[in-house]
N, C-alpha and C. Protein backbone atom coordinates (compact mmCIF):
# COMPACT_ATOMS: atom_id res chain seq x y z
N MET A 1 -12.21 31.86 -17.91
CA MET A 1 -11.46 31.83 -16.63
C MET A 1 -12.06 30.62 -15.73
N THR A 2 -13.39 30.51 -16.00
CA THR A 2 -14.18 30.18 -15.06
C THR A 2 -13.60 28.36 -15.10
N ALA A 3 -13.57 28.10 -16.35
CA ALA A 3 -12.94 26.40 -16.77
C ALA A 3 -11.69 26.20 -16.44
N ARG A 4 -10.99 26.67 -16.19
CA ARG A 4 -9.46 26.70 -15.32
C ARG A 4 -10.02 26.60 -14.08
N ARG A 5 -10.73 27.03 -12.96
CA ARG A 5 -11.04 26.82 -12.06
C ARG A 5 -11.49 25.96 -11.77
N ILE A 6 -13.24 25.52 -12.41
CA ILE A 6 -13.62 24.32 -12.10
C ILE A 6 -12.52 22.68 -12.65
N VAL A 7 -11.74 23.04 -13.48
CA VAL A 7 -10.31 21.54 -13.30
C VAL A 7 -9.77 21.92 -12.13
N LEU A 8 -9.61 22.85 -11.91
CA LEU A 8 -8.39 23.36 -11.16
C LEU A 8 -9.24 22.68 -9.48
N ALA A 9 -10.21 22.59 -9.44
CA ALA A 9 -11.09 22.45 -8.14
C ALA A 9 -11.29 20.80 -7.97
N LEU A 10 -11.44 20.27 -9.45
CA LEU A 10 -11.16 18.84 -9.88
C LEU A 10 -10.34 18.27 -9.32
N ALA A 11 -9.25 18.42 -9.99
CA ALA A 11 -7.88 18.04 -9.54
C ALA A 11 -7.59 18.57 -7.96
N LEU A 12 -7.99 19.31 -7.09
CA LEU A 12 -8.10 19.52 -6.20
C LEU A 12 -8.89 18.21 -5.18
N VAL A 13 -10.16 18.17 -5.34
CA VAL A 13 -10.93 16.76 -5.41
C VAL A 13 -10.24 15.77 -5.31
N VAL A 14 -9.72 15.49 -6.68
CA VAL A 14 -8.89 14.11 -7.05
C VAL A 14 -7.78 14.22 -5.83
N VAL A 15 -6.77 14.75 -5.76
CA VAL A 15 -5.24 14.57 -4.79
C VAL A 15 -6.24 14.73 -3.58
N LEU A 16 -7.19 15.13 -2.64
CA LEU A 16 -7.77 15.07 -1.49
C LEU A 16 -8.33 13.89 -1.20
N VAL A 17 -8.98 13.35 -1.80
CA VAL A 17 -9.38 12.05 -2.02
C VAL A 17 -8.49 10.94 -1.74
N LEU A 18 -7.40 10.83 -2.48
CA LEU A 18 -6.46 9.88 -2.74
C LEU A 18 -5.15 10.52 -1.39
N ALA A 19 -4.97 11.68 -1.13
CA ALA A 19 -4.37 11.62 0.24
C ALA A 19 -5.37 11.16 1.79
N GLY A 20 -7.02 11.33 1.28
CA GLY A 20 -7.79 10.66 2.95
C GLY A 20 -7.62 9.19 2.77
N GLY A 21 -7.54 8.47 1.30
CA GLY A 21 -7.20 6.96 0.93
C GLY A 21 -6.23 6.44 1.73
N TYR A 22 -5.68 7.38 1.39
CA TYR A 22 -3.77 6.69 1.93
C TYR A 22 -3.88 6.89 3.32
N ALA A 23 -4.26 7.88 3.73
CA ALA A 23 -4.43 7.74 5.26
C ALA A 23 -4.81 6.90 6.02
N ALA A 24 -6.13 6.92 5.28
CA ALA A 24 -6.74 5.90 6.16
C ALA A 24 -6.44 4.67 6.29
N LEU A 25 -5.86 4.12 5.02
CA LEU A 25 -5.43 2.83 5.02
C LEU A 25 -4.11 2.58 5.87
N SER A 26 -3.48 4.17 6.16
CA SER A 26 -2.22 3.88 6.56
C SER A 26 -2.28 4.14 8.21
N LEU A 27 -3.18 4.77 8.66
CA LEU A 27 -3.31 4.75 9.88
C LEU A 27 -4.78 4.23 10.75
N THR A 28 -4.86 3.12 9.90
CA THR A 28 -6.07 2.51 10.36
C THR A 28 -5.39 0.77 10.61
N GLY A 29 -6.04 -0.11 11.15
CA GLY A 29 -6.12 -1.39 11.10
C GLY A 29 -4.88 -1.43 12.44
N GLY A 30 -4.70 -3.35 13.02
CA GLY A 30 -3.40 -3.10 14.11
C GLY A 30 -4.32 -3.91 15.22
N ASP A 31 -6.13 -4.09 14.74
CA ASP A 31 -7.08 -4.18 15.84
C ASP A 31 -7.62 -5.68 15.40
N ALA A 32 -6.44 -6.84 15.08
CA ALA A 32 -6.84 -7.98 14.80
C ALA A 32 -6.75 -9.29 15.65
N PRO A 33 -7.92 -9.83 16.47
CA PRO A 33 -7.32 -10.60 17.87
C PRO A 33 -6.33 -10.78 17.73
N PRO A 34 -5.70 -11.33 18.69
CA PRO A 34 -4.64 -12.56 18.81
C PRO A 34 -5.03 -13.99 17.85
N PRO A 35 -3.56 -14.60 17.02
CA PRO A 35 -4.04 -16.30 16.66
C PRO A 35 -4.61 -16.97 18.33
N PRO A 36 -5.40 -18.06 17.89
CA PRO A 36 -6.22 -18.76 18.93
C PRO A 36 -4.79 -19.92 19.89
N ARG A 37 -5.29 -20.14 20.61
CA ARG A 37 -4.15 -21.58 21.23
C ARG A 37 -5.09 -22.48 21.29
N PRO A 38 -4.09 -23.75 21.02
CA PRO A 38 -4.90 -24.78 20.72
C PRO A 38 -5.33 -25.34 22.03
N PRO A 39 -6.43 -26.00 22.17
CA PRO A 39 -6.65 -26.83 23.33
C PRO A 39 -5.71 -27.34 23.83
N SER A 40 -5.34 -27.40 25.52
CA SER A 40 -4.73 -29.10 25.74
C SER A 40 -5.72 -29.52 26.46
N GLY A 41 -5.92 -30.81 25.54
CA GLY A 41 -6.75 -31.61 26.48
C GLY A 41 -6.09 -33.49 25.88
N PRO A 42 -6.91 -34.22 26.02
CA PRO A 42 -6.18 -35.38 25.97
C PRO A 42 -5.89 -35.79 24.56
N SER A 43 -5.35 -36.43 23.96
CA SER A 43 -4.56 -36.80 23.13
C SER A 43 -5.15 -37.95 22.76
N GLY A 44 -5.69 -38.50 21.93
CA GLY A 44 -6.33 -39.78 21.79
C GLY A 44 -6.54 -40.11 20.26
N SER A 45 -7.49 -41.05 20.41
CA SER A 45 -8.07 -41.81 18.93
C SER A 45 -8.62 -40.64 18.39
N ALA A 46 -8.63 -40.05 17.35
CA ALA A 46 -9.92 -39.26 16.83
C ALA A 46 -10.75 -39.81 15.77
N THR A 47 -11.55 -40.90 16.49
CA THR A 47 -12.64 -41.56 16.53
C THR A 47 -14.01 -41.43 16.84
N GLY A 48 -15.06 -41.63 16.37
CA GLY A 48 -15.41 -41.01 17.21
C GLY A 48 -16.71 -40.11 17.04
N THR A 49 -17.35 -39.35 17.82
CA THR A 49 -18.85 -38.25 17.52
C THR A 49 -17.87 -37.72 18.11
N TRP A 50 -18.13 -35.91 17.01
CA TRP A 50 -17.13 -35.08 17.92
C TRP A 50 -18.18 -34.07 17.87
N ARG A 51 -17.99 -33.44 19.56
CA ARG A 51 -19.07 -32.04 18.95
C ARG A 51 -17.98 -30.89 20.04
N PRO A 52 -18.46 -29.81 19.23
CA PRO A 52 -17.90 -28.75 19.55
C PRO A 52 -17.74 -28.36 21.03
N ALA A 53 -16.91 -27.36 21.51
CA ALA A 53 -17.21 -27.15 22.74
C ALA A 53 -17.81 -25.85 22.72
N GLY A 54 -18.05 -25.25 23.96
CA GLY A 54 -18.59 -24.48 23.81
C GLY A 54 -17.49 -22.87 23.89
N GLY A 55 -17.92 -21.79 23.47
CA GLY A 55 -17.20 -20.69 22.64
C GLY A 55 -15.89 -20.81 21.55
N SER A 56 -16.69 -21.94 20.89
CA SER A 56 -15.43 -23.07 19.54
C SER A 56 -16.52 -22.16 18.63
N PHE A 57 -15.11 -21.94 18.07
CA PHE A 57 -15.21 -20.93 16.61
C PHE A 57 -14.36 -21.74 15.15
N VAL A 58 -15.21 -20.83 14.34
CA VAL A 58 -14.04 -20.97 12.74
C VAL A 58 -13.79 -19.70 12.83
N GLY A 59 -11.73 -19.80 12.04
CA GLY A 59 -11.97 -18.34 11.16
C GLY A 59 -10.56 -18.32 10.31
N TYR A 60 -10.72 -17.22 9.81
CA TYR A 60 -9.14 -17.61 8.87
C TYR A 60 -7.94 -16.16 9.36
N ARG A 61 -6.96 -15.99 8.87
CA ARG A 61 -6.32 -14.75 9.06
C ARG A 61 -5.14 -15.31 7.49
N VAL A 62 -5.73 -13.81 7.43
CA VAL A 62 -5.26 -13.03 5.87
C VAL A 62 -3.92 -12.19 6.03
N ASP A 63 -2.84 -12.40 5.28
CA ASP A 63 -1.78 -10.95 5.16
C ASP A 63 -2.34 -10.45 3.78
N GLU A 64 -2.40 -9.21 4.00
CA GLU A 64 -3.06 -8.38 3.00
C GLU A 64 -1.91 -6.84 2.81
N LYS A 65 -1.95 -7.03 1.47
CA LYS A 65 -0.58 -5.83 0.67
C LYS A 65 -1.94 -4.99 0.22
N TYR A 66 -1.72 -4.04 0.36
CA TYR A 66 -2.15 -2.58 -0.42
C TYR A 66 -1.79 -1.39 -0.72
N LEU A 67 -1.51 -1.70 -2.38
CA LEU A 67 -0.50 -0.90 -2.97
C LEU A 67 0.34 -0.39 -2.36
N GLY A 68 1.20 -1.06 -1.96
CA GLY A 68 2.72 0.03 -1.20
C GLY A 68 2.49 0.28 0.03
N VAL A 69 1.58 0.98 0.85
CA VAL A 69 0.70 1.19 1.94
C VAL A 69 1.63 0.18 3.04
N GLY A 70 1.14 -0.81 3.20
CA GLY A 70 1.66 -2.05 4.55
C GLY A 70 1.56 -3.19 3.85
N VAL A 71 1.27 -4.23 4.86
CA VAL A 71 0.68 -5.62 5.03
C VAL A 71 -0.24 -5.15 5.94
N ARG A 72 -1.69 -5.35 5.72
CA ARG A 72 -3.03 -5.32 7.27
C ARG A 72 -2.63 -6.66 7.41
N THR A 73 -3.16 -7.51 8.15
CA THR A 73 -3.91 -8.83 9.11
C THR A 73 -5.34 -9.03 9.07
N ALA A 74 -6.11 -9.80 7.50
CA ALA A 74 -7.49 -9.80 7.75
C ALA A 74 -7.93 -10.90 8.66
N VAL A 75 -9.24 -10.44 9.34
CA VAL A 75 -9.13 -12.07 10.18
C VAL A 75 -11.02 -11.51 10.28
N GLY A 76 -11.41 -13.03 10.10
CA GLY A 76 -12.40 -13.29 10.10
C GLY A 76 -12.91 -13.92 10.72
N ARG A 77 -13.56 -14.24 11.57
CA ARG A 77 -14.24 -15.82 12.73
C ARG A 77 -15.55 -14.92 12.97
N THR A 78 -16.00 -16.86 13.16
CA THR A 78 -17.82 -16.97 13.00
C THR A 78 -17.74 -18.43 13.43
N GLY A 79 -18.90 -17.97 14.55
CA GLY A 79 -18.93 -18.82 15.88
C GLY A 79 -20.08 -19.82 15.50
């Protein structure tokens, strides 16, 4: 009888872990910053020396699909 209880307890733990992972993926997210707007500066020649302005950054924005849970936007930025 104890072996049966151990198997049932392990099955319950697996179900709870899977349900918790699903809840974490479906309830979190949506905190991605808005896409940047290009600066409105003078348009002219692209030749010469370029210097980044203060507050400049590079980054990426990718839509990720999680096993039927939905699509989330992954955002990474660095100064």
